[in-house]
Amino acid sequence: MTDPQPQPEPSVAEQRAALASTVDALHRKVDVPARVKAGARHELDRVRQQPRGVAAAGLVSAFVVAYVAVRQRRRHSH
């Protein structure tokens, strides 16, 4: 068996770049408010691209709420 060739050690600049990349990734991961804002922005963009779907969902939701309210009134009035 032959021993694998030892890998050359990265330069200090390469190590710093790798460390900076790792720190940036960890910072993005633990920055919950920024992630929430980014997610909300993404959803808002998605909604803006599909206004008919949102309008339909709003109408269905309004219908369901009105139906439940009317049903509750009828149930309590008898």
PDB file of N, CA and C in Angstrom:
ATOM      1  N   MET A   1       0.832  -1.175   0.000  1.00  0.00           N
ATOM      2  CA  MET A   1       0.000   0.000   0.000  1.00  0.00           C
ATOM      3  C   MET A   1       0.875   1.236   0.000  1.00  0.00           C
ATOM      4  N   THR A   2       0.418   2.175  -0.741  1.00  0.00           N
ATOM      5  CA  THR A   2       1.157   3.427  -0.759  1.00  0.00           C
ATOM      6  C   THR A   2       0.416   4.452   0.082  1.00  0.00           C
ATOM      7  N   ASP A   3       1.186   5.238   0.754  1.00  0.00           N
ATOM      8  CA  ASP A   3       0.589   6.307   1.556  1.00  0.00           C
ATOM      9  C   ASP A   3       0.124   7.412   0.620  1.00  0.00           C
ATOM     10  N   PRO A   4      -1.078   7.958   0.886  1.00  0.00           N
ATOM     11  CA  PRO A   4      -1.525   9.062   0.042  1.00  0.00           C
ATOM     12  C   PRO A   4      -0.600  10.264   0.220  1.00  0.00           C
ATOM     13  N   GLN A   5      -0.500  11.017  -0.832  1.00  0.00           N
ATOM     14  CA  GLN A   5       0.343  12.209  -0.778  1.00  0.00           C
ATOM     15  C   GLN A   5      -0.241  13.199   0.223  1.00  0.00           C
ATOM     16  N   PRO A   6       0.594  13.733   1.078  1.00  0.00           N
ATOM     17  CA  PRO A   6       0.080  14.730   2.019  1.00  0.00           C
ATOM     18  C   PRO A   6      -0.376  15.976   1.250  1.00  0.00           C
ATOM     19  N   GLN A   7      -1.499  16.498   1.674  1.00  0.00           N
ATOM     20  CA  GLN A   7      -2.044  17.692   1.034  1.00  0.00           C
ATOM     21  C   GLN A   7      -1.230  18.900   1.489  1.00  0.00           C
ATOM     22  N   PRO A   8      -0.926  19.777   0.556  1.00  0.00           N
ATOM     23  CA  PRO A   8      -0.196  20.983   0.976  1.00  0.00           C
ATOM     24  C   PRO A   8      -1.107  21.851   1.850  1.00  0.00           C
ATOM     25  N   GLU A   9      -0.513  22.438   2.856  1.00  0.00           N
ATOM     26  CA  GLU A   9      -1.296  23.271   3.777  1.00  0.00           C
ATOM     27  C   GLU A   9      -1.696  24.561   3.059  1.00  0.00           C
ATOM     28  N   PRO A  10      -2.983  24.950   3.213  1.00  0.00           N
ATOM     29  CA  PRO A  10      -3.418  26.185   2.545  1.00  0.00           C
ATOM     30  C   PRO A  10      -2.686  27.403   3.117  1.00  0.00           C
ATOM     31  N   SER A  11      -2.577  28.414   2.292  1.00  0.00           N
ATOM     32  CA  SER A  11      -1.899  29.631   2.743  1.00  0.00           C
ATOM     33  C   SER A  11      -2.763  30.338   3.785  1.00  0.00           C
ATOM     34  N   VAL A  12      -2.160  31.277   4.466  1.00  0.00           N
ATOM     35  CA  VAL A  12      -2.873  32.035   5.489  1.00  0.00           C
ATOM     36  C   VAL A  12      -4.047  32.780   4.853  1.00  0.00           C
ATOM     37  N   ALA A  13      -3.864  33.333   3.679  1.00  0.00           N
ATOM     38  CA  ALA A  13      -4.937  34.061   2.999  1.00  0.00           C
ATOM     39  C   ALA A  13      -6.090  33.119   2.669  1.00  0.00           C
ATOM     40  N   GLU A  14      -5.779  31.911   2.237  1.00  0.00           N
ATOM     41  CA  GLU A  14      -6.836  30.927   1.930  1.00  0.00           C
ATOM     42  C   GLU A  14      -7.569  30.507   3.206  1.00  0.00           C
ATOM     43  N   GLN A  15      -6.828  30.332   4.296  1.00  0.00           N
ATOM     44  CA  GLN A  15      -7.450  29.965   5.562  1.00  0.00           C
ATOM     45  C   GLN A  15      -8.359  31.087   6.063  1.00  0.00           C
ATOM     46  N   ARG A  16      -7.912  32.330   5.919  1.00  0.00           N
ATOM     47  CA  ARG A  16      -8.733  33.474   6.336  1.00  0.00           C
ATOM     48  C   ARG A  16     -10.002  33.561   5.500  1.00  0.00           C
ATOM     49  N   ALA A  17      -9.874  33.332   4.195  1.00  0.00           N
ATOM     50  CA  ALA A  17     -11.043  33.388   3.317  1.00  0.00           C
ATOM     51  C   ALA A  17     -12.039  32.295   3.695  1.00  0.00           C
ATOM     52  N   ALA A  18     -11.542  31.101   3.976  1.00  0.00           N
ATOM     53  CA  ALA A  18     -12.419  29.993   4.359  1.00  0.00           C
ATOM     54  C   ALA A  18     -13.098  30.286   5.695  1.00  0.00           C
ATOM     55  N   LEU A  19     -12.346  30.838   6.640  1.00  0.00           N
ATOM     56  CA  LEU A  19     -12.904  31.173   7.943  1.00  0.00           C
ATOM     57  C   LEU A  19     -13.952  32.278   7.808  1.00  0.00           C
ATOM     58  N   ALA A  20     -13.678  33.281   7.006  1.00  0.00           N
ATOM     59  CA  ALA A  20     -14.628  34.371   6.793  1.00  0.00           C
ATOM     60  C   ALA A  20     -15.914  33.841   6.169  1.00  0.00           C
ATOM     61  N   SER A  21     -15.782  32.929   5.239  1.00  0.00           N
ATOM     62  CA  SER A  21     -16.955  32.337   4.607  1.00  0.00           C
ATOM     63  C   SER A  21     -17.785  31.559   5.628  1.00  0.00           C
ATOM     64  N   THR A  22     -17.132  30.828   6.496  1.00  0.00           N
ATOM     65  CA  THR A  22     -17.819  30.060   7.530  1.00  0.00           C
ATOM     66  C   THR A  22     -18.526  30.985   8.517  1.00  0.00           C
ATOM     67  N   VAL A  23     -17.844  32.042   8.931  1.00  0.00           N
ATOM     68  CA  VAL A  23     -18.441  32.992   9.867  1.00  0.00           C
ATOM     69  C   VAL A  23     -19.651  33.666   9.222  1.00  0.00           C
ATOM     70  N   ASP A  24     -19.541  34.055   7.960  1.00  0.00           N
ATOM     71  CA  ASP A  24     -20.675  34.673   7.260  1.00  0.00           C
ATOM     72  C   ASP A  24     -21.857  33.714   7.191  1.00  0.00           C
ATOM     73  N   ALA A  25     -21.593  32.450   6.888  1.00  0.00           N
ATOM     74  CA  ALA A  25     -22.672  31.459   6.804  1.00  0.00           C
ATOM     75  C   ALA A  25     -23.345  31.274   8.161  1.00  0.00           C
ATOM     76  N   LEU A  26     -22.564  31.221   9.223  1.00  0.00           N
ATOM     77  CA  LEU A  26     -23.131  31.077  10.566  1.00  0.00           C
ATOM     78  C   LEU A  26     -23.933  32.315  10.951  1.00  0.00           C
ATOM     79  N   HIS A  27     -23.446  33.479  10.584  1.00  0.00           N
ATOM     80  CA  HIS A  27     -24.163  34.720  10.900  1.00  0.00           C
ATOM     81  C   HIS A  27     -25.512  34.755  10.199  1.00  0.00           C
ATOM     82  N   ARG A  28     -25.538  34.370   8.933  1.00  0.00           N
ATOM     83  CA  ARG A  28     -26.813  34.334   8.199  1.00  0.00           C
ATOM     84  C   ARG A  28     -27.768  33.324   8.826  1.00  0.00           C
ATOM     85  N   LYS A  29     -27.237  32.218   9.301  1.00  0.00           N
ATOM     86  CA  LYS A  29     -28.089  31.174   9.866  1.00  0.00           C
ATOM     87  C   LYS A  29     -28.727  31.601  11.188  1.00  0.00           C
ATOM     88  N   VAL A  30     -28.011  32.336  12.015  1.00  0.00           N
ATOM     89  CA  VAL A  30     -28.550  32.707  13.321  1.00  0.00           C
ATOM     90  C   VAL A  30     -29.254  34.062  13.306  1.00  0.00           C
ATOM     91  N   ASP A  31     -29.213  34.789  12.203  1.00  0.00           N
ATOM     92  CA  ASP A  31     -29.874  36.092  12.105  1.00  0.00           C
ATOM     93  C   ASP A  31     -31.339  35.869  11.730  1.00  0.00           C
ATOM     94  N   VAL A  32     -32.134  35.469  12.723  1.00  0.00           N
ATOM     95  CA  VAL A  32     -33.528  35.109  12.495  1.00  0.00           C
ATOM     96  C   VAL A  32     -34.351  36.283  11.958  1.00  0.00           C
ATOM     97  N   PRO A  33     -34.240  37.487  12.514  1.00  0.00           N
ATOM     98  CA  PRO A  33     -35.044  38.584  11.965  1.00  0.00           C
ATOM     99  C   PRO A  33     -34.794  38.824  10.467  1.00  0.00           C
ATOM    100  N   ALA A  34     -33.554  38.747  10.053  1.00  0.00           N
ATOM    101  CA  ALA A  34     -33.250  38.941   8.634  1.00  0.00           C
ATOM    102  C   ALA A  34     -33.834  37.804   7.801  1.00  0.00           C
ATOM    103  N   ARG A  35     -33.791  36.582   8.325  1.00  0.00           N
ATOM    104  CA  ARG A  35     -34.354  35.449   7.589  1.00  0.00           C
ATOM    105  C   ARG A  35     -35.862  35.572   7.476  1.00  0.00           C
ATOM    106  N   VAL A  36     -36.520  36.051   8.546  1.00  0.00           N
ATOM    107  CA  VAL A  36     -37.972  36.232   8.514  1.00  0.00           C
ATOM    108  C   VAL A  36     -38.339  37.302   7.495  1.00  0.00           C
ATOM    109  N   LYS A  37     -37.603  38.415   7.509  1.00  0.00           N
ATOM    110  CA  LYS A  37     -37.862  39.482   6.538  1.00  0.00           C
ATOM    111  C   LYS A  37     -37.669  38.991   5.110  1.00  0.00           C
ATOM    112  N   ALA A  38     -36.613  38.216   4.886  1.00  0.00           N
ATOM    113  CA  ALA A  38     -36.361  37.690   3.546  1.00  0.00           C
ATOM    114  C   ALA A  38     -37.483  36.744   3.121  1.00  0.00           C
ATOM    115  N   GLY A  39     -37.946  35.912   4.041  1.00  0.00           N
ATOM    116  CA  GLY A  39     -39.048  35.000   3.737  1.00  0.00           C
ATOM    117  C   GLY A  39     -40.337  35.758   3.448  1.00  0.00           C
ATOM    118  N   ALA A  40     -40.598  36.790   4.227  1.00  0.00           N
ATOM    119  CA  ALA A  40     -41.803  37.599   4.009  1.00  0.00           C
ATOM    120  C   ALA A  40     -41.713  38.317   2.672  1.00  0.00           C
ATOM    121  N   ARG A  41     -40.540  38.839   2.344  1.00  0.00           N
ATOM    122  CA  ARG A  41     -40.340  39.507   1.062  1.00  0.00           C
ATOM    123  C   ARG A  41     -40.585  38.533  -0.095  1.00  0.00           C
ATOM    124  N   HIS A  42     -40.082  37.318   0.066  1.00  0.00           N
ATOM    125  CA  HIS A  42     -40.266  36.294  -0.975  1.00  0.00           C
ATOM    126  C   HIS A  42     -41.752  35.981  -1.156  1.00  0.00           C
ATOM    127  N   GLU A  43     -42.473  35.798  -0.054  1.00  0.00           N
ATOM    128  CA  GLU A  43     -43.903  35.502  -0.137  1.00  0.00           C
ATOM    129  C   GLU A  43     -44.687  36.667  -0.730  1.00  0.00           C
ATOM    130  N   LEU A  44     -44.301  37.888  -0.372  1.00  0.00           N
ATOM    131  CA  LEU A  44     -44.971  39.059  -0.928  1.00  0.00           C
ATOM    132  C   LEU A  44     -44.754  39.139  -2.436  1.00  0.00           C
ATOM    133  N   ASP A  45     -43.538  38.863  -2.873  1.00  0.00           N
ATOM    134  CA  ASP A  45     -43.260  38.845  -4.313  1.00  0.00           C
ATOM    135  C   ASP A  45     -44.086  37.765  -5.009  1.00  0.00           C
ATOM    136  N   ARG A  46     -44.203  36.610  -4.363  1.00  0.00           N
ATOM    137  CA  ARG A  46     -44.977  35.511  -4.944  1.00  0.00           C
ATOM    138  C   ARG A  46     -46.450  35.902  -5.062  1.00  0.00           C
ATOM    139  N   VAL A  47     -46.968  36.554  -4.032  1.00  0.00           N
ATOM    140  CA  VAL A  47     -48.369  36.979  -4.041  1.00  0.00           C
ATOM    141  C   VAL A  47     -48.596  38.025  -5.126  1.00  0.00           C
ATOM    142  N   ARG A  48     -47.649  38.929  -5.269  1.00  0.00           N
ATOM    143  CA  ARG A  48     -47.782  39.967  -6.288  1.00  0.00           C
ATOM    144  C   ARG A  48     -47.780  39.381  -7.694  1.00  0.00           C
ATOM    145  N   GLN A  49     -47.117  38.265  -7.877  1.00  0.00           N
ATOM    146  CA  GLN A  49     -47.076  37.623  -9.189  1.00  0.00           C
ATOM    147  C   GLN A  49     -48.350  36.841  -9.468  1.00  0.00           C
ATOM    148  N   GLN A  50     -49.107  36.495  -8.448  1.00  0.00           N
ATOM    149  CA  GLN A  50     -50.324  35.691  -8.607  1.00  0.00           C
ATOM    150  C   GLN A  50     -51.506  36.386  -7.940  1.00  0.00           C
ATOM    151  N   PRO A  51     -51.895  37.580  -8.409  1.00  0.00           N
ATOM    152  CA  PRO A  51     -52.965  38.306  -7.716  1.00  0.00           C
ATOM    153  C   PRO A  51     -54.323  37.622  -7.796  1.00  0.00           C
ATOM    154  N   ARG A  52     -54.606  36.913  -8.863  1.00  0.00           N
ATOM    155  CA  ARG A  52     -55.910  36.232  -8.966  1.00  0.00           C
ATOM    156  C   ARG A  52     -56.040  35.128  -7.935  1.00  0.00           C
ATOM    157  N   GLY A  53     -54.979  34.401  -7.734  1.00  0.00           N
ATOM    158  CA  GLY A  53     -55.010  33.331  -6.733  1.00  0.00           C
ATOM    159  C   GLY A  53     -55.240  33.878  -5.342  1.00  0.00           C
ATOM    160  N   VAL A  54     -54.612  34.994  -5.046  1.00  0.00           N
ATOM    161  CA  VAL A  54     -54.779  35.611  -3.733  1.00  0.00           C
ATOM    162  C   VAL A  54     -56.202  36.139  -3.590  1.00  0.00           C
ATOM    163  N   ALA A  55     -56.723  36.760  -4.641  1.00  0.00           N
ATOM    164  CA  ALA A  55     -58.097  37.275  -4.588  1.00  0.00           C
ATOM    165  C   ALA A  55     -59.080  36.128  -4.390  1.00  0.00           C
ATOM    166  N   ALA A  56     -58.857  35.029  -5.088  1.00  0.00           N
ATOM    167  CA  ALA A  56     -59.745  33.874  -4.943  1.00  0.00           C
ATOM    168  C   ALA A  56     -59.669  33.315  -3.521  1.00  0.00           C
ATOM    169  N   ALA A  57     -58.470  33.222  -2.991  1.00  0.00           N
ATOM    170  CA  ALA A  57     -58.317  32.720  -1.626  1.00  0.00           C
ATOM    171  C   ALA A  57     -58.994  33.660  -0.634  1.00  0.00           C
ATOM    172  N   GLY A  58     -58.883  34.956  -0.862  1.00  0.00           N
ATOM    173  CA  GLY A  58     -59.543  35.930   0.000  1.00  0.00           C
ATOM    174  C   GLY A  58     -61.050  35.800  -0.055  1.00  0.00           C
ATOM    175  N   LEU A  59     -61.582  35.612  -1.257  1.00  0.00           N
ATOM    176  CA  LEU A  59     -63.030  35.445  -1.406  1.00  0.00           C
ATOM    177  C   LEU A  59     -63.513  34.178  -0.711  1.00  0.00           C
ATOM    178  N   VAL A  60     -62.796  33.108  -0.887  1.00  0.00           N
ATOM    179  CA  VAL A  60     -63.179  31.849  -0.239  1.00  0.00           C
ATOM    180  C   VAL A  60     -63.129  32.011   1.275  1.00  0.00           C
ATOM    181  N   SER A  61     -62.086  32.651   1.770  1.00  0.00           N
ATOM    182  CA  SER A  61     -61.963  32.864   3.217  1.00  0.00           C
ATOM    183  C   SER A  61     -63.117  33.715   3.736  1.00  0.00           C
ATOM    184  N   ALA A  62     -63.442  34.785   3.019  1.00  0.00           N
ATOM    185  CA  ALA A  62     -64.542  35.654   3.436  1.00  0.00           C
ATOM    186  C   ALA A  62     -65.859  34.887   3.436  1.00  0.00           C
ATOM    187  N   PHE A  63     -66.072  34.059   2.421  1.00  0.00           N
ATOM    188  CA  PHE A  63     -67.288  33.261   2.342  1.00  0.00           C
ATOM    189  C   PHE A  63     -67.384  32.305   3.534  1.00  0.00           C
ATOM    190  N   VAL A  64     -66.286  31.650   3.855  1.00  0.00           N
ATOM    191  CA  VAL A  64     -66.291  30.699   4.974  1.00  0.00           C
ATOM    192  C   VAL A  64     -66.580  31.417   6.280  1.00  0.00           C
ATOM    193  N   VAL A  65     -65.965  32.564   6.505  1.00  0.00           N
ATOM    194  CA  VAL A  65     -66.198  33.311   7.740  1.00  0.00           C
ATOM    195  C   VAL A  65     -67.657  33.751   7.810  1.00  0.00           C
ATOM    196  N   ALA A  66     -68.195  34.270   6.707  1.00  0.00           N
ATOM    197  CA  ALA A  66     -69.598  34.706   6.697  1.00  0.00           C
ATOM    198  C   ALA A  66     -70.531  33.522   6.938  1.00  0.00           C
ATOM    199  N   TYR A  67     -70.254  32.391   6.321  1.00  0.00           N
ATOM    200  CA  TYR A  67     -71.083  31.195   6.487  1.00  0.00           C
ATOM    201  C   TYR A  67     -71.097  30.748   7.949  1.00  0.00           C
ATOM    202  N   VAL A  68     -69.924  30.709   8.551  1.00  0.00           N
ATOM    203  CA  VAL A  68     -69.832  30.279   9.947  1.00  0.00           C
ATOM    204  C   VAL A  68     -70.558  31.276  10.850  1.00  0.00           C
ATOM    205  N   ALA A  69     -70.425  32.567  10.588  1.00  0.00           N
ATOM    206  CA  ALA A  69     -71.093  33.581  11.412  1.00  0.00           C
ATOM    207  C   ALA A  69     -72.610  33.453  11.310  1.00  0.00           C
ATOM    208  N   VAL A  70     -73.125  33.277  10.093  1.00  0.00           N
ATOM    209  CA  VAL A  70     -74.578  33.130   9.909  1.00  0.00           C
ATOM    210  C   VAL A  70     -75.061  31.863  10.591  1.00  0.00           C
ATOM    211  N   ARG A  71     -74.327  30.811  10.456  1.00  0.00           N
ATOM    212  CA  ARG A  71     -74.718  29.551  11.078  1.00  0.00           C
ATOM    213  C   ARG A  71     -74.741  29.647  12.596  1.00  0.00           C
ATOM    214  N   GLN A  72     -73.756  30.343  13.149  1.00  0.00           N
ATOM    215  CA  GLN A  72     -73.712  30.520  14.604  1.00  0.00           C
ATOM    216  C   GLN A  72     -74.907  31.342  15.082  1.00  0.00           C
ATOM    217  N   ARG A  73     -75.262  32.373  14.340  1.00  0.00           N
ATOM    218  CA  ARG A  73     -76.419  33.200  14.723  1.00  0.00           C
ATOM    219  C   ARG A  73     -77.697  32.377  14.696  1.00  0.00           C
ATOM    220  N   ARG A  74     -77.870  31.590  13.652  1.00  0.00           N
ATOM    221  CA  ARG A  74     -79.082  30.773  13.536  1.00  0.00           C
ATOM    222  C   ARG A  74     -79.135  29.741  14.650  1.00  0.00           C
ATOM    223  N   ARG A  75     -78.006  29.179  14.985  1.00  0.00           N
ATOM    224  CA  ARG A  75     -77.953  28.150  16.022  1.00  0.00           C
ATOM    225  C   ARG A  75     -78.302  28.746  17.388  1.00  0.00           C
ATOM    226  N   HIS A  76     -77.827  29.959  17.678  1.00  0.00           N
ATOM    227  CA  HIS A  76     -78.073  30.589  18.979  1.00  0.00           C
ATOM    228  C   HIS A  76     -79.458  31.237  19.054  1.00  0.00           C
ATOM    229  N   SER A  77     -80.071  31.531  17.922  1.00  0.00           N
ATOM    230  CA  SER A  77     -81.380  32.187  17.968  1.00  0.00           C
ATOM    231  C   SER A  77     -82.517  31.181  18.174  1.00  0.00           C
ATOM    232  N   HIS A  78     -82.289  29.932  18.004  1.00  0.00           N
ATOM    233  CA  HIS A  78     -83.359  28.928  18.181  1.00  0.00           C
ATOM    234  C   HIS A  78     -83.361  28.367  19.542  1.00  0.00           C
TER     235      HIS A  78
END
